[in-house]
Amino acid sequence: MARDDLVKVEGVVEEVAAGGIYRVKLDMNETVMNAKLCGKMRRFSIKVMPGDRVTVGLSPYDLSHGLILFRN
């Protein structure tokens, strides 16, 4: 799936788990979901800490996992 096909939502990083997984609390419905960094963020070593506001891309097929696209 292309990056353009993802549904973009805003959220706040609550916790950093093992294996590069982040727990993100979404603004739209206050749910907590798992997300990982996109490839460009890993490539350029962009750090994400708890408390950071991020933009998460969700697949329309599986809304339980996300991809962190931007750190705001």
PDB file of N, CA and C in Angstrom:
ATOM      1  N   MET A   1       0.843  -1.166   0.000  1.00  0.00           N
ATOM      2  CA  MET A   1       0.000   0.000   0.000  1.00  0.00           C
ATOM      3  C   MET A   1       0.888   1.229   0.000  1.00  0.00           C
ATOM      4  N   ALA A   2       0.548   2.178  -0.839  1.00  0.00           N
ATOM      5  CA  ALA A   2       1.330   3.408  -0.946  1.00  0.00           C
ATOM      6  C   ALA A   2       1.090   4.302   0.260  1.00  0.00           C
ATOM      7  N   ARG A   3       2.029   5.174   0.484  1.00  0.00           N
ATOM      8  CA  ARG A   3       1.936   6.082   1.619  1.00  0.00           C
ATOM      9  C   ARG A   3       0.780   7.073   1.448  1.00  0.00           C
ATOM     10  N   ASP A   4       0.388   7.347   0.206  1.00  0.00           N
ATOM     11  CA  ASP A   4      -0.704   8.281  -0.062  1.00  0.00           C
ATOM     12  C   ASP A   4      -2.065   7.695   0.293  1.00  0.00           C
ATOM     13  N   ASP A   5      -2.181   6.377   0.382  1.00  0.00           N
ATOM     14  CA  ASP A   5      -3.456   5.718   0.657  1.00  0.00           C
ATOM     15  C   ASP A   5      -3.798   5.663   2.140  1.00  0.00           C
ATOM     16  N   LEU A   6      -2.887   6.067   3.003  1.00  0.00           N
ATOM     17  CA  LEU A   6      -3.104   5.967   4.436  1.00  0.00           C
ATOM     18  C   LEU A   6      -4.014   7.086   4.945  1.00  0.00           C
ATOM     19  N   VAL A   7      -4.786   6.774   5.993  1.00  0.00           N
ATOM     20  CA  VAL A   7      -5.611   7.766   6.669  1.00  0.00           C
ATOM     21  C   VAL A   7      -4.744   8.435   7.724  1.00  0.00           C
ATOM     22  N   LYS A   8      -4.613   9.758   7.657  1.00  0.00           N
ATOM     23  CA  LYS A   8      -3.722  10.482   8.571  1.00  0.00           C
ATOM     24  C   LYS A   8      -4.503  11.022   9.760  1.00  0.00           C
ATOM     25  N   VAL A   9      -4.022  10.718  10.974  1.00  0.00           N
ATOM     26  CA  VAL A   9      -4.614  11.229  12.211  1.00  0.00           C
ATOM     27  C   VAL A   9      -3.491  11.744  13.108  1.00  0.00           C
ATOM     28  N   GLU A  10      -3.842  12.619  14.031  1.00  0.00           N
ATOM     29  CA  GLU A  10      -2.874  13.197  14.969  1.00  0.00           C
ATOM     30  C   GLU A  10      -2.964  12.472  16.302  1.00  0.00           C
ATOM     31  N   GLY A  11      -1.868  12.468  17.039  1.00  0.00           N
ATOM     32  CA  GLY A  11      -1.857  11.833  18.344  1.00  0.00           C
ATOM     33  C   GLY A  11      -0.632  12.241  19.146  1.00  0.00           C
ATOM     34  N   VAL A  12      -0.554  11.687  20.360  1.00  0.00           N
ATOM     35  CA  VAL A  12       0.560  11.969  21.271  1.00  0.00           C
ATOM     36  C   VAL A  12       1.190  10.641  21.667  1.00  0.00           C
ATOM     37  N   VAL A  13       2.522  10.576  21.622  1.00  0.00           N
ATOM     38  CA  VAL A  13       3.237   9.369  22.017  1.00  0.00           C
ATOM     39  C   VAL A  13       3.175   9.256  23.540  1.00  0.00           C
ATOM     40  N   GLU A  14       2.680   8.121  24.031  1.00  0.00           N
ATOM     41  CA  GLU A  14       2.575   7.913  25.472  1.00  0.00           C
ATOM     42  C   GLU A  14       3.706   7.062  26.027  1.00  0.00           C
ATOM     43  N   GLU A  15       4.160   6.088  25.244  1.00  0.00           N
ATOM     44  CA  GLU A  15       5.149   5.143  25.766  1.00  0.00           C
ATOM     45  C   GLU A  15       5.973   4.606  24.607  1.00  0.00           C
ATOM     46  N   VAL A  16       7.242   4.323  24.880  1.00  0.00           N
ATOM     47  CA  VAL A  16       8.121   3.684  23.910  1.00  0.00           C
ATOM     48  C   VAL A  16       8.322   2.250  24.378  1.00  0.00           C
ATOM     49  N   ALA A  17       7.893   1.291  23.579  1.00  0.00           N
ATOM     50  CA  ALA A  17       8.018  -0.121  23.925  1.00  0.00           C
ATOM     51  C   ALA A  17       9.246  -0.702  23.210  1.00  0.00           C
ATOM     52  N   ALA A  18       9.547  -1.938  23.515  1.00  0.00           N
ATOM     53  CA  ALA A  18      10.696  -2.616  22.917  1.00  0.00           C
ATOM     54  C   ALA A  18      10.447  -2.900  21.442  1.00  0.00           C
ATOM     55  N   GLY A  19      11.508  -2.971  20.689  1.00  0.00           N
ATOM     56  CA  GLY A  19      11.409  -3.336  19.281  1.00  0.00           C
ATOM     57  C   GLY A  19      10.965  -2.206  18.373  1.00  0.00           C
ATOM     58  N   GLY A  20      11.093  -0.959  18.814  1.00  0.00           N
ATOM     59  CA  GLY A  20      10.726   0.168  17.965  1.00  0.00           C
ATOM     60  C   GLY A  20       9.236   0.404  17.865  1.00  0.00           C
ATOM     61  N   ILE A  21       8.480  -0.092  18.825  1.00  0.00           N
ATOM     62  CA  ILE A  21       7.030   0.101  18.854  1.00  0.00           C
ATOM     63  C   ILE A  21       6.707   1.260  19.791  1.00  0.00           C
ATOM     64  N   TYR A  22       5.821   2.128  19.349  1.00  0.00           N
ATOM     65  CA  TYR A  22       5.383   3.277  20.136  1.00  0.00           C
ATOM     66  C   TYR A  22       3.898   3.144  20.419  1.00  0.00           C
ATOM     67  N   ARG A  23       3.474   3.502  21.634  1.00  0.00           N
ATOM     68  CA  ARG A  23       2.057   3.531  21.963  1.00  0.00           C
ATOM     69  C   ARG A  23       1.604   4.978  21.814  1.00  0.00           C
ATOM     70  N   VAL A  24       0.645   5.184  20.909  1.00  0.00           N
ATOM     71  CA  VAL A  24       0.188   6.524  20.554  1.00  0.00           C
ATOM     72  C   VAL A  24      -1.276   6.658  20.937  1.00  0.00           C
ATOM     73  N   LYS A  25      -1.602   7.746  21.642  1.00  0.00           N
ATOM     74  CA  LYS A  25      -2.987   8.048  21.987  1.00  0.00           C
ATOM     75  C   LYS A  25      -3.523   9.016  20.945  1.00  0.00           C
ATOM     76  N   LEU A  26      -4.550   8.585  20.204  1.00  0.00           N
ATOM     77  CA  LEU A  26      -5.099   9.385  19.124  1.00  0.00           C
ATOM     78  C   LEU A  26      -5.994  10.494  19.666  1.00  0.00           C
ATOM     79  N   ASP A  27      -6.018  11.622  18.957  1.00  0.00           N
ATOM     80  CA  ASP A  27      -6.831  12.758  19.369  1.00  0.00           C
ATOM     81  C   ASP A  27      -8.311  12.548  19.038  1.00  0.00           C
ATOM     82  N   MET A  28      -8.599  11.869  17.936  1.00  0.00           N
ATOM     83  CA  MET A  28      -9.976  11.807  17.458  1.00  0.00           C
ATOM     84  C   MET A  28     -10.893  10.964  18.334  1.00  0.00           C
ATOM     85  N   ASN A  29     -10.423   9.879  18.904  1.00  0.00           N
ATOM     86  CA  ASN A  29     -11.308   9.055  19.728  1.00  0.00           C
ATOM     87  C   ASN A  29     -10.649   8.535  21.003  1.00  0.00           C
ATOM     88  N   GLU A  30      -9.515   9.108  21.373  1.00  0.00           N
ATOM     89  CA  GLU A  30      -8.836   8.791  22.640  1.00  0.00           C
ATOM     90  C   GLU A  30      -8.438   7.316  22.781  1.00  0.00           C
ATOM     91  N   THR A  31      -8.261   6.596  21.678  1.00  0.00           N
ATOM     92  CA  THR A  31      -7.813   5.211  21.762  1.00  0.00           C
ATOM     93  C   THR A  31      -6.288   5.164  21.734  1.00  0.00           C
ATOM     94  N   VAL A  32      -5.727   4.122  22.329  1.00  0.00           N
ATOM     95  CA  VAL A  32      -4.283   3.911  22.336  1.00  0.00           C
ATOM     96  C   VAL A  32      -3.981   2.791  21.356  1.00  0.00           C
ATOM     97  N   MET A  33      -3.039   3.042  20.446  1.00  0.00           N
ATOM     98  CA  MET A  33      -2.704   2.048  19.431  1.00  0.00           C
ATOM     99  C   MET A  33      -1.188   1.943  19.309  1.00  0.00           C
ATOM    100  N   ASN A  34      -0.737   0.875  18.681  1.00  0.00           N
ATOM    101  CA  ASN A  34       0.685   0.657  18.438  1.00  0.00           C
ATOM    102  C   ASN A  34       1.060   1.254  17.092  1.00  0.00           C
ATOM    103  N   ALA A  35       2.240   1.844  17.031  1.00  0.00           N
ATOM    104  CA  ALA A  35       2.738   2.409  15.780  1.00  0.00           C
ATOM    105  C   ALA A  35       4.248   2.236  15.731  1.00  0.00           C
ATOM    106  N   LYS A  36       4.774   2.234  14.516  1.00  0.00           N
ATOM    107  CA  LYS A  36       6.222   2.176  14.341  1.00  0.00           C
ATOM    108  C   LYS A  36       6.641   3.297  13.403  1.00  0.00           C
ATOM    109  N   LEU A  37       7.942   3.584  13.364  1.00  0.00           N
ATOM    110  CA  LEU A  37       8.458   4.671  12.543  1.00  0.00           C
ATOM    111  C   LEU A  37       8.459   4.291  11.074  1.00  0.00           C
ATOM    112  N   CYS A  38       8.218   5.270  10.211  1.00  0.00           N
ATOM    113  CA  CYS A  38       8.319   5.024   8.782  1.00  0.00           C
ATOM    114  C   CYS A  38       9.799   4.979   8.389  1.00  0.00           C
ATOM    115  N   GLY A  39      10.077   4.543   7.205  1.00  0.00           N
ATOM    116  CA  GLY A  39      11.447   4.325   6.758  1.00  0.00           C
ATOM    117  C   GLY A  39      12.302   5.573   6.719  1.00  0.00           C
ATOM    118  N   LYS A  40      11.731   6.699   6.290  1.00  0.00           N
ATOM    119  CA  LYS A  40      12.521   7.932   6.213  1.00  0.00           C
ATOM    120  C   LYS A  40      12.896   8.443   7.596  1.00  0.00           C
ATOM    121  N   MET A  41      12.033   8.244   8.582  1.00  0.00           N
ATOM    122  CA  MET A  41      12.362   8.683   9.936  1.00  0.00           C
ATOM    123  C   MET A  41      13.489   7.825  10.506  1.00  0.00           C
ATOM    124  N   ARG A  42      13.491   6.532  10.194  1.00  0.00           N
ATOM    125  CA  ARG A  42      14.592   5.673  10.631  1.00  0.00           C
ATOM    126  C   ARG A  42      15.875   6.018   9.896  1.00  0.00           C
ATOM    127  N   ARG A  43      15.761   6.304   8.602  1.00  0.00           N
ATOM    128  CA  ARG A  43      16.943   6.591   7.790  1.00  0.00           C
ATOM    129  C   ARG A  43      17.664   7.851   8.253  1.00  0.00           C
ATOM    130  N   PHE A  44      16.920   8.889   8.581  1.00  0.00           N
ATOM    131  CA  PHE A  44      17.525  10.152   8.991  1.00  0.00           C
ATOM    132  C   PHE A  44      17.621  10.298  10.506  1.00  0.00           C
ATOM    133  N   SER A  45      17.412   9.223  11.250  1.00  0.00           N
ATOM    134  CA  SER A  45      17.574   9.165  12.715  1.00  0.00           C
ATOM    135  C   SER A  45      16.772  10.230  13.443  1.00  0.00           C
ATOM    136  N   ILE A  46      15.512  10.388  13.083  1.00  0.00           N
ATOM    137  CA  ILE A  46      14.633  11.335  13.766  1.00  0.00           C
ATOM    138  C   ILE A  46      14.122  10.663  15.030  1.00  0.00           C
ATOM    139  N   LYS A  47      14.398  11.277  16.169  1.00  0.00           N
ATOM    140  CA  LYS A  47      14.047  10.695  17.458  1.00  0.00           C
ATOM    141  C   LYS A  47      12.618  11.079  17.839  1.00  0.00           C
ATOM    142  N   VAL A  48      11.899  10.135  18.412  1.00  0.00           N
ATOM    143  CA  VAL A  48      10.546  10.369  18.906  1.00  0.00           C
ATOM    144  C   VAL A  48      10.531   9.982  20.380  1.00  0.00           C
ATOM    145  N   MET A  49      10.116  10.905  21.218  1.00  0.00           N
ATOM    146  CA  MET A  49      10.104  10.710  22.660  1.00  0.00           C
ATOM    147  C   MET A  49       8.669  10.736  23.175  1.00  0.00           C
ATOM    148  N   PRO A  50       8.419  10.176  24.365  1.00  0.00           N
ATOM    149  CA  PRO A  50       7.078  10.283  24.951  1.00  0.00           C
ATOM    150  C   PRO A  50       6.697  11.753  25.155  1.00  0.00           C
ATOM    151  N   GLY A  51       5.475  12.082  24.792  1.00  0.00           N
ATOM    152  CA  GLY A  51       4.990  13.452  24.884  1.00  0.00           C
ATOM    153  C   GLY A  51       5.023  14.188  23.559  1.00  0.00           C
ATOM    154  N   ASP A  52       5.697  13.650  22.553  1.00  0.00           N
ATOM    155  CA  ASP A  52       5.755  14.301  21.240  1.00  0.00           C
ATOM    156  C   ASP A  52       4.427  14.141  20.504  1.00  0.00           C
ATOM    157  N   ARG A  53       4.017  15.194  19.791  1.00  0.00           N
ATOM    158  CA  ARG A  53       2.843  15.111  18.924  1.00  0.00           C
ATOM    159  C   ARG A  53       3.298  14.547  17.584  1.00  0.00           C
ATOM    160  N   VAL A  54       2.579  13.572  17.065  1.00  0.00           N
ATOM    161  CA  VAL A  54       2.958  12.906  15.821  1.00  0.00           C
ATOM    162  C   VAL A  54       1.739  12.788  14.905  1.00  0.00           C
ATOM    163  N   THR A  55       2.021  12.609  13.612  1.00  0.00           N
ATOM    164  CA  THR A  55       0.999  12.288  12.627  1.00  0.00           C
ATOM    165  C   THR A  55       1.161  10.809  12.294  1.00  0.00           C
ATOM    166  N   VAL A  56       0.074  10.060  12.461  1.00  0.00           N
ATOM    167  CA  VAL A  56       0.097   8.613  12.261  1.00  0.00           C
ATOM    168  C   VAL A  56      -0.720   8.280  11.019  1.00  0.00           C
ATOM    169  N   GLY A  57      -0.173   7.420  10.179  1.00  0.00           N
ATOM    170  CA  GLY A  57      -0.900   6.929   9.014  1.00  0.00           C
ATOM    171  C   GLY A  57      -1.499   5.576   9.333  1.00  0.00           C
ATOM    172  N   LEU A  58      -2.812   5.436   9.131  1.00  0.00           N
ATOM    173  CA  LEU A  58      -3.520   4.186   9.387  1.00  0.00           C
ATOM    174  C   LEU A  58      -3.967   3.559   8.082  1.00  0.00           C
ATOM    175  N   SER A  59      -3.843   2.267   7.985  1.00  0.00           N
ATOM    176  CA  SER A  59      -4.349   1.553   6.827  1.00  0.00           C
ATOM    177  C   SER A  59      -5.864   1.453   6.923  1.00  0.00           C
ATOM    178  N   PRO A  60      -6.582   1.629   5.830  1.00  0.00           N
ATOM    179  CA  PRO A  60      -8.042   1.489   5.900  1.00  0.00           C
ATOM    180  C   PRO A  60      -8.483   0.051   6.184  1.00  0.00           C
ATOM    181  N   TYR A  61      -7.589  -0.911   6.025  1.00  0.00           N
ATOM    182  CA  TYR A  61      -7.938  -2.308   6.246  1.00  0.00           C
ATOM    183  C   TYR A  61      -7.727  -2.748   7.684  1.00  0.00           C
ATOM    184  N   ASP A  62      -6.725  -2.197   8.367  1.00  0.00           N
ATOM    185  CA  ASP A  62      -6.411  -2.591   9.739  1.00  0.00           C
ATOM    186  C   ASP A  62      -6.135  -1.338  10.553  1.00  0.00           C
ATOM    187  N   LEU A  63      -7.083  -0.924  11.377  1.00  0.00           N
ATOM    188  CA  LEU A  63      -6.954   0.321  12.139  1.00  0.00           C
ATOM    189  C   LEU A  63      -6.262   0.144  13.482  1.00  0.00           C
ATOM    190  N   SER A  64      -5.761  -1.050  13.781  1.00  0.00           N
ATOM    191  CA  SER A  64      -5.131  -1.282  15.079  1.00  0.00           C
ATOM    192  C   SER A  64      -3.618  -0.994  15.067  1.00  0.00           C
ATOM    193  N   HIS A  65      -3.021  -0.885  13.873  1.00  0.00           N
ATOM    194  CA  HIS A  65      -1.592  -0.615  13.748  1.00  0.00           C
ATOM    195  C   HIS A  65      -1.401   0.630  12.912  1.00  0.00           C
ATOM    196  N   GLY A  66      -0.328   1.368  13.199  1.00  0.00           N
ATOM    197  CA  GLY A  66      -0.094   2.596  12.454  1.00  0.00           C
ATOM    198  C   GLY A  66       1.369   2.784  12.117  1.00  0.00           C
ATOM    199  N   LEU A  67       1.617   3.824  11.347  1.00  0.00           N
ATOM    200  CA  LEU A  67       2.936   4.174  10.895  1.00  0.00           C
ATOM    201  C   LEU A  67       3.157   5.650  11.196  1.00  0.00           C
ATOM    202  N   ILE A  68       4.164   5.985  11.992  1.00  0.00           N
ATOM    203  CA  ILE A  68       4.426   7.375  12.350  1.00  0.00           C
ATOM    204  C   ILE A  68       5.086   8.050  11.158  1.00  0.00           C
ATOM    205  N   LEU A  69       4.390   9.040  10.589  1.00  0.00           N
ATOM    206  CA  LEU A  69       4.859   9.714   9.379  1.00  0.00           C
ATOM    207  C   LEU A  69       5.634  10.989   9.689  1.00  0.00           C
ATOM    208  N   PHE A  70       5.158  11.794  10.650  1.00  0.00           N
ATOM    209  CA  PHE A  70       5.784  13.071  10.984  1.00  0.00           C
ATOM    210  C   PHE A  70       5.815  13.271  12.481  1.00  0.00           C
ATOM    211  N   ARG A  71       6.831  13.965  12.942  1.00  0.00           N
ATOM    212  CA  ARG A  71       6.852  14.437  14.329  1.00  0.00           C
ATOM    213  C   ARG A  71       6.614  15.940  14.292  1.00  0.00           C
ATOM    214  N   ASN A  72       5.586  16.400  14.999  1.00  0.00           N
ATOM    215  CA  ASN A  72       5.216  17.821  14.963  1.00  0.00           C
ATOM    216  C   ASN A  72       5.890  18.585  16.066  1.00  0.00           C
TER     217      ASN A  72
END
